[in-house]
Amino acid sequence: MPIKPSTGFCMVLTTCPNQQEADTHARAIIEKRLAACVQSSPIHSYYRWDGEVQSDPEVLLRIKTTDEHYQALEQYLKAEHSYDMPQVIQIPIENGLTEYLEWLRDETTVNGQ
């Protein structure tokens, strides 16, 4: 079945305080089939927290999944993340290489369901 634009795929962004935590989350997310792919990159974040401007190194996770898995992924991050309020942002994937999107769907499907 061909994939059509805007058919329920998304990328979720979150940040972690270090590579060790990023690796732990990435592996758990893939093992639980909450996503098909997680990419990590070192970044430097600037933000206001508790009324003061902060600046910290972080690791950005780009998580590719389906809209159907977003709520479970959000719940996982809320429960397991070390931050009191982790960044969890869903970005719709409006279109993509059909074969890649099929792979993404297949990798987030448990036992063919």
PDB file of N, CA and C in Angstrom:
ATOM      1  N   MET A   1       0.847  -1.172   0.000  1.00  0.00           N
ATOM      2  CA  MET A   1       0.000   0.000   0.000  1.00  0.00           C
ATOM      3  C   MET A   1       0.896   1.240   0.000  1.00  0.00           C
ATOM      4  N   PRO A   2       0.775   2.123  -1.005  1.00  0.00           N
ATOM      5  CA  PRO A   2       1.607   3.324  -1.050  1.00  0.00           C
ATOM      6  C   PRO A   2       1.275   4.291   0.076  1.00  0.00           C
ATOM      7  N   ILE A   3       2.286   5.005   0.525  1.00  0.00           N
ATOM      8  CA  ILE A   3       2.122   6.029   1.555  1.00  0.00           C
ATOM      9  C   ILE A   3       1.740   7.332   0.858  1.00  0.00           C
ATOM     10  N   LYS A   4       0.739   8.003   1.378  1.00  0.00           N
ATOM     11  CA  LYS A   4       0.316   9.289   0.824  1.00  0.00           C
ATOM     12  C   LYS A   4       0.713  10.403   1.781  1.00  0.00           C
ATOM     13  N   PRO A   5       0.836  11.631   1.278  1.00  0.00           N
ATOM     14  CA  PRO A   5       1.198  12.744   2.158  1.00  0.00           C
ATOM     15  C   PRO A   5       0.235  12.883   3.337  1.00  0.00           C
ATOM     16  N   SER A   6       0.770  13.328   4.455  1.00  0.00           N
ATOM     17  CA  SER A   6      -0.017  13.619   5.662  1.00  0.00           C
ATOM     18  C   SER A   6      -0.806  12.408   6.152  1.00  0.00           C
ATOM     19  N   THR A   7      -0.170  11.256   6.182  1.00  0.00           N
ATOM     20  CA  THR A   7      -0.878  10.055   6.603  1.00  0.00           C
ATOM     21  C   THR A   7      -0.444   9.535   7.962  1.00  0.00           C
ATOM     22  N   GLY A   8      -0.008  10.420   8.845  1.00  0.00           N
ATOM     23  CA  GLY A   8       0.196   9.982  10.211  1.00  0.00           C
ATOM     24  C   GLY A   8       1.613   9.722  10.655  1.00  0.00           C
ATOM     25  N   PHE A   9       2.594  10.307  10.022  1.00  0.00           N
ATOM     26  CA  PHE A   9       3.974  10.174  10.467  1.00  0.00           C
ATOM     27  C   PHE A   9       4.424  11.484  11.098  1.00  0.00           C
ATOM     28  N   CYS A  10       5.365  11.403  12.045  1.00  0.00           N
ATOM     29  CA  CYS A  10       5.851  12.621  12.687  1.00  0.00           C
ATOM     30  C   CYS A  10       7.269  12.432  13.186  1.00  0.00           C
ATOM     31  N   MET A  11       7.891  13.558  13.523  1.00  0.00           N
ATOM     32  CA  MET A  11       9.181  13.564  14.192  1.00  0.00           C
ATOM     33  C   MET A  11       8.953  14.243  15.543  1.00  0.00           C
ATOM     34  N   VAL A  12       9.516  13.682  16.572  1.00  0.00           N
ATOM     35  CA  VAL A  12       9.402  14.244  17.916  1.00  0.00           C
ATOM     36  C   VAL A  12      10.793  14.693  18.345  1.00  0.00           C
ATOM     37  N   LEU A  13      10.862  15.907  18.877  1.00  0.00           N
ATOM     38  CA  LEU A  13      12.125  16.448  19.361  1.00  0.00           C
ATOM     39  C   LEU A  13      12.135  16.470  20.878  1.00  0.00           C
ATOM     40  N   THR A  14      13.257  16.070  21.451  1.00  0.00           N
ATOM     41  CA  THR A  14      13.483  16.215  22.882  1.00  0.00           C
ATOM     42  C   THR A  14      14.970  16.450  23.085  1.00  0.00           C
ATOM     43  N   THR A  15      15.335  16.968  24.234  1.00  0.00           N
ATOM     44  CA  THR A  15      16.744  17.175  24.560  1.00  0.00           C
ATOM     45  C   THR A  15      17.080  16.438  25.847  1.00  0.00           C
ATOM     46  N   CYS A  16      18.343  16.051  25.960  1.00  0.00           N
ATOM     47  CA  CYS A  16      18.841  15.358  27.145  1.00  0.00           C
ATOM     48  C   CYS A  16      20.074  16.093  27.659  1.00  0.00           C
ATOM     49  N   PRO A  17      20.364  15.964  28.949  1.00  0.00           N
ATOM     50  CA  PRO A  17      21.495  16.689  29.519  1.00  0.00           C
ATOM     51  C   PRO A  17      22.861  16.134  29.113  1.00  0.00           C
ATOM     52  N   ASN A  18      22.901  14.882  28.634  1.00  0.00           N
ATOM     53  CA  ASN A  18      24.185  14.279  28.269  1.00  0.00           C
ATOM     54  C   ASN A  18      23.961  13.102  27.315  1.00  0.00           C
ATOM     55  N   GLN A  19      25.059  12.638  26.715  1.00  0.00           N
ATOM     56  CA  GLN A  19      24.960  11.563  25.718  1.00  0.00           C
ATOM     57  C   GLN A  19      24.510  10.250  26.356  1.00  0.00           C
ATOM     58  N   GLN A  20      24.924   9.987  27.585  1.00  0.00           N
ATOM     59  CA  GLN A  20      24.535   8.738  28.247  1.00  0.00           C
ATOM     60  C   GLN A  20      23.015   8.637  28.371  1.00  0.00           C
ATOM     61  N   GLU A  21      22.369   9.699  28.838  1.00  0.00           N
ATOM     62  CA  GLU A  21      20.912   9.657  28.952  1.00  0.00           C
ATOM     63  C   GLU A  21      20.267   9.579  27.569  1.00  0.00           C
ATOM     64  N   ALA A  22      20.822  10.310  26.610  1.00  0.00           N
ATOM     65  CA  ALA A  22      20.286  10.265  25.238  1.00  0.00           C
ATOM     66  C   ALA A  22      20.345   8.841  24.694  1.00  0.00           C
ATOM     67  N   ASP A  23      21.471   8.160  24.898  1.00  0.00           N
ATOM     68  CA  ASP A  23      21.620   6.783  24.426  1.00  0.00           C
ATOM     69  C   ASP A  23      20.615   5.851  25.104  1.00  0.00           C
ATOM     70  N   THR A  24      20.431   6.032  26.409  1.00  0.00           N
ATOM     71  CA  THR A  24      19.478   5.202  27.159  1.00  0.00           C
ATOM     72  C   THR A  24      18.070   5.365  26.596  1.00  0.00           C
ATOM     73  N   HIS A  25      17.647   6.614  26.386  1.00  0.00           N
ATOM     74  CA  HIS A  25      16.307   6.852  25.844  1.00  0.00           C
ATOM     75  C   HIS A  25      16.188   6.337  24.415  1.00  0.00           C
ATOM     76  N   ALA A  26      17.188   6.587  23.592  1.00  0.00           N
ATOM     77  CA  ALA A  26      17.124   6.150  22.198  1.00  0.00           C
ATOM     78  C   ALA A  26      16.942   4.630  22.118  1.00  0.00           C
ATOM     79  N   ARG A  27      17.726   3.897  22.856  1.00  0.00           N
ATOM     80  CA  ARG A  27      17.622   2.430  22.831  1.00  0.00           C
ATOM     81  C   ARG A  27      16.265   1.955  23.361  1.00  0.00           C
ATOM     82  N   ALA A  28      15.807   2.534  24.454  1.00  0.00           N
ATOM     83  CA  ALA A  28      14.519   2.118  25.028  1.00  0.00           C
ATOM     84  C   ALA A  28      13.374   2.417  24.057  1.00  0.00           C
ATOM     85  N   ILE A  29      13.413   3.571  23.425  1.00  0.00           N
ATOM     86  CA  ILE A  29      12.354   3.961  22.480  1.00  0.00           C
ATOM     87  C   ILE A  29      12.303   2.983  21.311  1.00  0.00           C
ATOM     88  N   ILE A  30      13.468   2.596  20.791  1.00  0.00           N
ATOM     89  CA  ILE A  30      13.506   1.644  19.676  1.00  0.00           C
ATOM     90  C   ILE A  30      13.081   0.253  20.151  1.00  0.00           C
ATOM     91  N   GLU A  31      13.590  -0.188  21.296  1.00  0.00           N
ATOM     92  CA  GLU A  31      13.233  -1.512  21.811  1.00  0.00           C
ATOM     93  C   GLU A  31      11.733  -1.635  22.063  1.00  0.00           C
ATOM     94  N   LYS A  32      11.094  -0.560  22.531  1.00  0.00           N
ATOM     95  CA  LYS A  32       9.650  -0.575  22.798  1.00  0.00           C
ATOM     96  C   LYS A  32       8.829  -0.347  21.528  1.00  0.00           C
ATOM     97  N   ARG A  33       9.500  -0.148  20.399  1.00  0.00           N
ATOM     98  CA  ARG A  33       8.850   0.121  19.109  1.00  0.00           C
ATOM     99  C   ARG A  33       7.991   1.381  19.139  1.00  0.00           C
ATOM    100  N   LEU A  34       8.400   2.350  19.974  1.00  0.00           N
ATOM    101  CA  LEU A  34       7.713   3.637  19.999  1.00  0.00           C
ATOM    102  C   LEU A  34       8.150   4.500  18.820  1.00  0.00           C
ATOM    103  N   ALA A  35       9.255   4.124  18.183  1.00  0.00           N
ATOM    104  CA  ALA A  35       9.767   4.841  17.021  1.00  0.00           C
ATOM    105  C   ALA A  35      10.615   3.881  16.200  1.00  0.00           C
ATOM    106  N   ALA A  36      10.856   4.263  14.953  1.00  0.00           N
ATOM    107  CA  ALA A  36      11.683   3.453  14.072  1.00  0.00           C
ATOM    108  C   ALA A  36      13.135   3.915  14.076  1.00  0.00           C
ATOM    109  N   CYS A  37      13.355   5.196  14.365  1.00  0.00           N
ATOM    110  CA  CYS A  37      14.696   5.763  14.273  1.00  0.00           C
ATOM    111  C   CYS A  37      14.825   6.915  15.265  1.00  0.00           C
ATOM    112  N   VAL A  38      15.957   6.970  15.946  1.00  0.00           N
ATOM    113  CA  VAL A  38      16.276   8.090  16.826  1.00  0.00           C
ATOM    114  C   VAL A  38      17.682   8.554  16.465  1.00  0.00           C
ATOM    115  N   GLN A  39      17.815   9.834  16.173  1.00  0.00           N
ATOM    116  CA  GLN A  39      19.125  10.423  15.882  1.00  0.00           C
ATOM    117  C   GLN A  39      19.491  11.360  17.012  1.00  0.00           C
ATOM    118  N   SER A  40      20.779  11.381  17.374  1.00  0.00           N
ATOM    119  CA  SER A  40      21.229  12.289  18.430  1.00  0.00           C
ATOM    120  C   SER A  40      22.329  13.195  17.906  1.00  0.00           C
ATOM    121  N   SER A  41      22.308  14.433  18.389  1.00  0.00           N
ATOM    122  CA  SER A  41      23.314  15.428  18.008  1.00  0.00           C
ATOM    123  C   SER A  41      23.606  16.324  19.204  1.00  0.00           C
ATOM    124  N   PRO A  42      24.892  16.641  19.433  1.00  0.00           N
ATOM    125  CA  PRO A  42      25.204  17.603  20.493  1.00  0.00           C
ATOM    126  C   PRO A  42      24.764  19.005  20.068  1.00  0.00           C
ATOM    127  N   ILE A  43      24.200  19.755  20.993  1.00  0.00           N
ATOM    128  CA  ILE A  43      23.766  21.125  20.738  1.00  0.00           C
ATOM    129  C   ILE A  43      24.099  21.973  21.958  1.00  0.00           C
ATOM    130  N   HIS A  44      23.899  23.261  21.850  1.00  0.00           N
ATOM    131  CA  HIS A  44      24.021  24.160  22.996  1.00  0.00           C
ATOM    132  C   HIS A  44      22.732  24.966  23.077  1.00  0.00           C
ATOM    133  N   SER A  45      22.038  24.893  24.194  1.00  0.00           N
ATOM    134  CA  SER A  45      20.731  25.538  24.354  1.00  0.00           C
ATOM    135  C   SER A  45      20.820  26.782  25.224  1.00  0.00           C
ATOM    136  N   TYR A  46      20.048  27.787  24.829  1.00  0.00           N
ATOM    137  CA  TYR A  46      19.862  29.015  25.603  1.00  0.00           C
ATOM    138  C   TYR A  46      18.379  29.129  25.886  1.00  0.00           C
ATOM    139  N   TYR A  47      18.010  29.407  27.136  1.00  0.00           N
ATOM    140  CA  TYR A  47      16.601  29.438  27.511  1.00  0.00           C
ATOM    141  C   TYR A  47      16.453  30.183  28.834  1.00  0.00           C
ATOM    142  N   ARG A  48      15.233  30.570  29.123  1.00  0.00           N
ATOM    143  CA  ARG A  48      14.946  31.191  30.408  1.00  0.00           C
ATOM    144  C   ARG A  48      14.296  30.135  31.298  1.00  0.00           C
ATOM    145  N   TRP A  49      14.818  29.985  32.520  1.00  0.00           N
ATOM    146  CA  TRP A  49      14.268  29.030  33.482  1.00  0.00           C
ATOM    147  C   TRP A  49      14.354  29.652  34.861  1.00  0.00           C
ATOM    148  N   ASP A  50      13.253  29.606  35.589  1.00  0.00           N
ATOM    149  CA  ASP A  50      13.188  30.212  36.927  1.00  0.00           C
ATOM    150  C   ASP A  50      13.620  31.679  36.895  1.00  0.00           C
ATOM    151  N   GLY A  51      13.228  32.373  35.819  1.00  0.00           N
ATOM    152  CA  GLY A  51      13.473  33.797  35.717  1.00  0.00           C
ATOM    153  C   GLY A  51      14.878  34.200  35.303  1.00  0.00           C
ATOM    154  N   GLU A  52      15.733  33.242  35.007  1.00  0.00           N
ATOM    155  CA  GLU A  52      17.109  33.560  34.625  1.00  0.00           C
ATOM    156  C   GLU A  52      17.449  32.917  33.290  1.00  0.00           C
ATOM    157  N   VAL A  53      18.277  33.605  32.504  1.00  0.00           N
ATOM    158  CA  VAL A  53      18.744  33.050  31.234  1.00  0.00           C
ATOM    159  C   VAL A  53      19.785  31.973  31.542  1.00  0.00           C
ATOM    160  N   GLN A  54      19.586  30.821  30.967  1.00  0.00           N
ATOM    161  CA  GLN A  54      20.468  29.669  31.161  1.00  0.00           C
ATOM    162  C   GLN A  54      21.161  29.338  29.841  1.00  0.00           C
ATOM    163  N   SER A  55      22.261  28.636  29.916  1.00  0.00           N
ATOM    164  CA  SER A  55      23.006  28.191  28.747  1.00  0.00           C
ATOM    165  C   SER A  55      23.658  26.867  29.103  1.00  0.00           C
ATOM    166  N   ASP A  56      23.302  25.810  28.375  1.00  0.00           N
ATOM    167  CA  ASP A  56      23.814  24.482  28.704  1.00  0.00           C
ATOM    168  C   ASP A  56      24.055  23.651  27.457  1.00  0.00           C
ATOM    169  N   PRO A  57      25.084  22.792  27.480  1.00  0.00           N
ATOM    170  CA  PRO A  57      25.214  21.791  26.421  1.00  0.00           C
ATOM    171  C   PRO A  57      24.127  20.737  26.628  1.00  0.00           C
ATOM    172  N   GLU A  58      23.558  20.254  25.538  1.00  0.00           N
ATOM    173  CA  GLU A  58      22.544  19.206  25.600  1.00  0.00           C
ATOM    174  C   GLU A  58      22.731  18.290  24.399  1.00  0.00           C
ATOM    175  N   VAL A  59      21.957  17.228  24.370  1.00  0.00           N
ATOM    176  CA  VAL A  59      21.921  16.326  23.229  1.00  0.00           C
ATOM    177  C   VAL A  59      20.492  16.339  22.699  1.00  0.00           C
ATOM    178  N   LEU A  60      20.347  16.667  21.428  1.00  0.00           N
ATOM    179  CA  LEU A  60      19.042  16.703  20.776  1.00  0.00           C
ATOM    180  C   LEU A  60      18.723  15.327  20.214  1.00  0.00           C
ATOM    181  N   LEU A  61      17.530  14.826  20.523  1.00  0.00           N
ATOM    182  CA  LEU A  61      17.034  13.593  19.917  1.00  0.00           C
ATOM    183  C   LEU A  61      15.957  13.935  18.899  1.00  0.00           C
ATOM    184  N   ARG A  62      16.120  13.417  17.686  1.00  0.00           N
ATOM    185  CA  ARG A  62      15.108  13.507  16.628  1.00  0.00           C
ATOM    186  C   ARG A  62      14.541  12.109  16.478  1.00  0.00           C
ATOM    187  N   ILE A  63      13.278  11.961  16.845  1.00  0.00           N
ATOM    188  CA  ILE A  63      12.638  10.658  16.944  1.00  0.00           C
ATOM    189  C   ILE A  63      11.601  10.538  15.831  1.00  0.00           C
ATOM    190  N   LYS A  64      11.759   9.570  14.929  1.00  0.00           N
ATOM    191  CA  LYS A  64      10.815   9.371  13.826  1.00  0.00           C
ATOM    192  C   LYS A  64       9.840   8.263  14.181  1.00  0.00           C
ATOM    193  N   THR A  65       8.545   8.595  14.127  1.00  0.00           N
ATOM    194  CA  THR A  65       7.520   7.658  14.553  1.00  0.00           C
ATOM    195  C   THR A  65       6.212   7.924  13.817  1.00  0.00           C
ATOM    196  N   THR A  66       5.153   7.330  14.298  1.00  0.00           N
ATOM    197  CA  THR A  66       3.821   7.545  13.739  1.00  0.00           C
ATOM    198  C   THR A  66       2.995   8.368  14.727  1.00  0.00           C
ATOM    199  N   ASP A  67       1.987   9.056  14.191  1.00  0.00           N
ATOM    200  CA  ASP A  67       1.086   9.800  15.072  1.00  0.00           C
ATOM    201  C   ASP A  67       0.459   8.869  16.104  1.00  0.00           C
ATOM    202  N   GLU A  68       0.198   7.650  15.699  1.00  0.00           N
ATOM    203  CA  GLU A  68      -0.425   6.655  16.585  1.00  0.00           C
ATOM    204  C   GLU A  68       0.429   6.385  17.828  1.00  0.00           C
ATOM    205  N   HIS A  69       1.746   6.491  17.708  1.00  0.00           N
ATOM    206  CA  HIS A  69       2.646   6.209  18.825  1.00  0.00           C
ATOM    207  C   HIS A  69       3.014   7.453  19.641  1.00  0.00           C
ATOM    208  N   TYR A  70       2.563   8.624  19.200  1.00  0.00           N
ATOM    209  CA  TYR A  70       2.990   9.852  19.876  1.00  0.00           C
ATOM    210  C   TYR A  70       2.625   9.856  21.366  1.00  0.00           C
ATOM    211  N   GLN A  71       1.406   9.546  21.723  1.00  0.00           N
ATOM    212  CA  GLN A  71       0.999   9.626  23.136  1.00  0.00           C
ATOM    213  C   GLN A  71       1.817   8.692  24.019  1.00  0.00           C
ATOM    214  N   ALA A  72       2.069   7.475  23.548  1.00  0.00           N
ATOM    215  CA  ALA A  72       2.878   6.533  24.333  1.00  0.00           C
ATOM    216  C   ALA A  72       4.312   7.039  24.460  1.00  0.00           C
ATOM    217  N   LEU A  73       4.844   7.627  23.394  1.00  0.00           N
ATOM    218  CA  LEU A  73       6.186   8.195  23.435  1.00  0.00           C
ATOM    219  C   LEU A  73       6.249   9.364  24.415  1.00  0.00           C
ATOM    220  N   GLU A  74       5.253  10.228  24.366  1.00  0.00           N
ATOM    221  CA  GLU A  74       5.196  11.351  25.305  1.00  0.00           C
ATOM    222  C   GLU A  74       5.146  10.844  26.745  1.00  0.00           C
ATOM    223  N   GLN A  75       4.323   9.849  27.003  1.00  0.00           N
ATOM    224  CA  GLN A  75       4.217   9.298  28.358  1.00  0.00           C
ATOM    225  C   GLN A  75       5.540   8.685  28.807  1.00  0.00           C
ATOM    226  N   TYR A  76       6.208   7.980  27.898  1.00  0.00           N
ATOM    227  CA  TYR A  76       7.526   7.417  28.236  1.00  0.00           C
ATOM    228  C   TYR A  76       8.492   8.536  28.639  1.00  0.00           C
ATOM    229  N   LEU A  77       8.569   9.587  27.823  1.00  0.00           N
ATOM    230  CA  LEU A  77       9.500  10.679  28.106  1.00  0.00           C
ATOM    231  C   LEU A  77       9.156  11.394  29.410  1.00  0.00           C
ATOM    232  N   LYS A  78       7.872  11.620  29.673  1.00  0.00           N
ATOM    233  CA  LYS A  78       7.480  12.265  30.935  1.00  0.00           C
ATOM    234  C   LYS A  78       7.885  11.418  32.133  1.00  0.00           C
ATOM    235  N   ALA A  79       7.751  10.108  32.020  1.00  0.00           N
ATOM    236  CA  ALA A  79       8.032   9.209  33.140  1.00  0.00           C
ATOM    237  C   ALA A  79       9.522   8.937  33.337  1.00  0.00           C
ATOM    238  N   GLU A  80      10.287   8.857  32.251  1.00  0.00           N
ATOM    239  CA  GLU A  80      11.663   8.380  32.337  1.00  0.00           C
ATOM    240  C   GLU A  80      12.735   9.464  32.199  1.00  0.00           C
ATOM    241  N   HIS A  81      12.374  10.632  31.739  1.00  0.00           N
ATOM    242  CA  HIS A  81      13.348  11.701  31.498  1.00  0.00           C
ATOM    243  C   HIS A  81      13.810  12.305  32.814  1.00  0.00           C
ATOM    244  N   SER A  82      15.053  12.747  32.868  1.00  0.00           N
ATOM    245  CA  SER A  82      15.587  13.332  34.108  1.00  0.00           C
ATOM    246  C   SER A  82      15.131  14.774  34.321  1.00  0.00           C
ATOM    247  N   TYR A  83      14.684  15.459  33.267  1.00  0.00           N
ATOM    248  CA  TYR A  83      14.209  16.829  33.430  1.00  0.00           C
ATOM    249  C   TYR A  83      12.818  16.836  34.048  1.00  0.00           C
ATOM    250  N   ASP A  84      12.545  17.845  34.895  1.00  0.00           N
ATOM    251  CA  ASP A  84      11.206  18.002  35.470  1.00  0.00           C
ATOM    252  C   ASP A  84      10.170  18.210  34.367  1.00  0.00           C
ATOM    253  N   MET A  85      10.532  18.976  33.347  1.00  0.00           N
ATOM    254  CA  MET A  85       9.634  19.259  32.237  1.00  0.00           C
ATOM    255  C   MET A  85      10.430  19.144  30.936  1.00  0.00           C
ATOM    256  N   PRO A  86      10.541  17.931  30.386  1.00  0.00           N
ATOM    257  CA  PRO A  86      11.328  17.765  29.165  1.00  0.00           C
ATOM    258  C   PRO A  86      10.650  18.410  27.958  1.00  0.00           C
ATOM    259  N   GLN A  87      11.483  18.845  27.029  1.00  0.00           N
ATOM    260  CA  GLN A  87      10.946  19.288  25.742  1.00  0.00           C
ATOM    261  C   GLN A  87      10.392  18.065  25.035  1.00  0.00           C
ATOM    262  N   VAL A  88       9.143  18.126  24.617  1.00  0.00           N
ATOM    263  CA  VAL A  88       8.541  17.081  23.790  1.00  0.00           C
ATOM    264  C   VAL A  88       7.698  17.814  22.759  1.00  0.00           C
ATOM    265  N   ILE A  89       8.211  17.859  21.525  1.00  0.00           N
ATOM    266  CA  ILE A  89       7.554  18.603  20.454  1.00  0.00           C
ATOM    267  C   ILE A  89       7.314  17.666  19.278  1.00  0.00           C
ATOM    268  N   GLN A  90       6.082  17.623  18.818  1.00  0.00           N
ATOM    269  CA  GLN A  90       5.714  16.787  17.676  1.00  0.00           C
ATOM    270  C   GLN A  90       5.672  17.648  16.409  1.00  0.00           C
ATOM    271  N   ILE A  91       6.385  17.197  15.371  1.00  0.00           N
ATOM    272  CA  ILE A  91       6.398  17.880  14.082  1.00  0.00           C
ATOM    273  C   ILE A  91       5.851  16.904  13.036  1.00  0.00           C
ATOM    274  N   PRO A  92       4.768  17.268  12.353  1.00  0.00           N
ATOM    275  CA  PRO A  92       4.210  16.358  11.340  1.00  0.00           C
ATOM    276  C   PRO A  92       5.172  16.145  10.182  1.00  0.00           C
ATOM    277  N   ILE A  93       5.218  14.936   9.679  1.00  0.00           N
ATOM    278  CA  ILE A  93       5.927  14.633   8.437  1.00  0.00           C
ATOM    279  C   ILE A  93       4.868  14.620   7.354  1.00  0.00           C
ATOM    280  N   GLU A  94       4.921  15.576   6.487  1.00  0.00           N
ATOM    281  CA  GLU A  94       3.871  15.734   5.486  1.00  0.00           C
ATOM    282  C   GLU A  94       4.083  14.865   4.264  1.00  0.00           C
ATOM    283  N   ASN A  95       5.318  14.488   4.006  1.00  0.00           N
ATOM    284  CA  ASN A  95       5.608  13.652   2.862  1.00  0.00           C
ATOM    285  C   ASN A  95       7.004  13.100   3.036  1.00  0.00           C
ATOM    286  N   GLY A  96       7.333  12.066   2.293  1.00  0.00           N
ATOM    287  CA  GLY A  96       8.662  11.481   2.371  1.00  0.00           C
ATOM    288  C   GLY A  96       8.795  10.345   1.385  1.00  0.00           C
ATOM    289  N   LEU A  97       9.989   9.823   1.278  1.00  0.00           N
ATOM    290  CA  LEU A  97      10.243   8.688   0.408  1.00  0.00           C
ATOM    291  C   LEU A  97       9.340   7.536   0.838  1.00  0.00           C
ATOM    292  N   THR A  98       8.545   7.033  -0.082  1.00  0.00           N
ATOM    293  CA  THR A  98       7.566   5.986   0.233  1.00  0.00           C
ATOM    294  C   THR A  98       8.204   4.804   0.939  1.00  0.00           C
ATOM    295  N   GLU A  99       9.344   4.334   0.442  1.00  0.00           N
ATOM    296  CA  GLU A  99       9.992   3.164   1.040  1.00  0.00           C
ATOM    297  C   GLU A  99      10.433   3.449   2.476  1.00  0.00           C
ATOM    298  N   TYR A 100      10.907   4.667   2.735  1.00  0.00           N
ATOM    299  CA  TYR A 100      11.319   5.018   4.096  1.00  0.00           C
ATOM    300  C   TYR A 100      10.114   5.054   5.030  1.00  0.00           C
ATOM    301  N   LEU A 101       9.024   5.663   4.584  1.00  0.00           N
ATOM    302  CA  LEU A 101       7.827   5.744   5.426  1.00  0.00           C
ATOM    303  C   LEU A 101       7.226   4.360   5.670  1.00  0.00           C
ATOM    304  N   GLU A 102       7.295   3.482   4.680  1.00  0.00           N
ATOM    305  CA  GLU A 102       6.827   2.100   4.886  1.00  0.00           C
ATOM    306  C   GLU A 102       7.688   1.402   5.926  1.00  0.00           C
ATOM    307  N   TRP A 103       9.015   1.616   5.846  1.00  0.00           N
ATOM    308  CA  TRP A 103       9.922   1.038   6.842  1.00  0.00           C
ATOM    309  C   TRP A 103       9.599   1.582   8.230  1.00  0.00           C
ATOM    310  N   LEU A 104       9.369   2.881   8.324  1.00  0.00           N
ATOM    311  CA  LEU A 104       9.026   3.515   9.593  1.00  0.00           C
ATOM    312  C   LEU A 104       7.769   2.871  10.179  1.00  0.00           C
ATOM    313  N   ARG A 105       6.759   2.693   9.349  1.00  0.00           N
ATOM    314  CA  ARG A 105       5.528   2.059   9.809  1.00  0.00           C
ATOM    315  C   ARG A 105       5.788   0.618  10.251  1.00  0.00           C
ATOM    316  N   ASP A 106       6.548  -0.129   9.448  1.00  0.00           N
ATOM    317  CA  ASP A 106       6.832  -1.533   9.780  1.00  0.00           C
ATOM    318  C   ASP A 106       7.590  -1.662  11.097  1.00  0.00           C
ATOM    319  N   GLU A 107       8.549  -0.777  11.337  1.00  0.00           N
ATOM    320  CA  GLU A 107       9.377  -0.861  12.547  1.00  0.00           C
ATOM    321  C   GLU A 107       8.641  -0.440  13.821  1.00  0.00           C
ATOM    322  N   THR A 108       7.526   0.221  13.686  1.00  0.00           N
ATOM    323  CA  THR A 108       6.725   0.611  14.865  1.00  0.00           C
ATOM    324  C   THR A 108       5.518  -0.294  15.036  1.00  0.00           C
ATOM    325  N   THR A 109       5.468  -1.352  14.235  1.00  0.00           N
ATOM    326  CA  THR A 109       4.364  -2.307  14.316  1.00  0.00           C
ATOM    327  C   THR A 109       4.836  -3.544  15.060  1.00  0.00           C
ATOM    328  N   VAL A 110       4.090  -3.956  16.052  1.00  0.00           N
ATOM    329  CA  VAL A 110       4.434  -5.132  16.839  1.00  0.00           C
ATOM    330  C   VAL A 110       3.680  -6.334  16.279  1.00  0.00           C
ATOM    331  N   ASN A 111       4.413  -7.385  15.935  1.00  0.00           N
ATOM    332  CA  ASN A 111       3.813  -8.641  15.440  1.00  0.00           C
ATOM    333  C   ASN A 111       2.850  -8.416  14.294  1.00  0.00           C
ATOM    334  N   GLY A 112       3.204  -7.522  13.363  1.00  0.00           N
ATOM    335  CA  GLY A 112       2.389  -7.306  12.177  1.00  0.00           C
ATOM    336  C   GLY A 112       1.062  -6.637  12.438  1.00  0.00           C
ATOM    337  N   GLN A 113       0.883  -6.002  13.595  1.00  0.00           N
ATOM    338  CA  GLN A 113      -0.412  -5.346  13.886  1.00  0.00           C
ATOM    339  C   GLN A 113      -0.243  -3.866  13.987  1.00  0.00           C
TER     340      GLN A 113
END
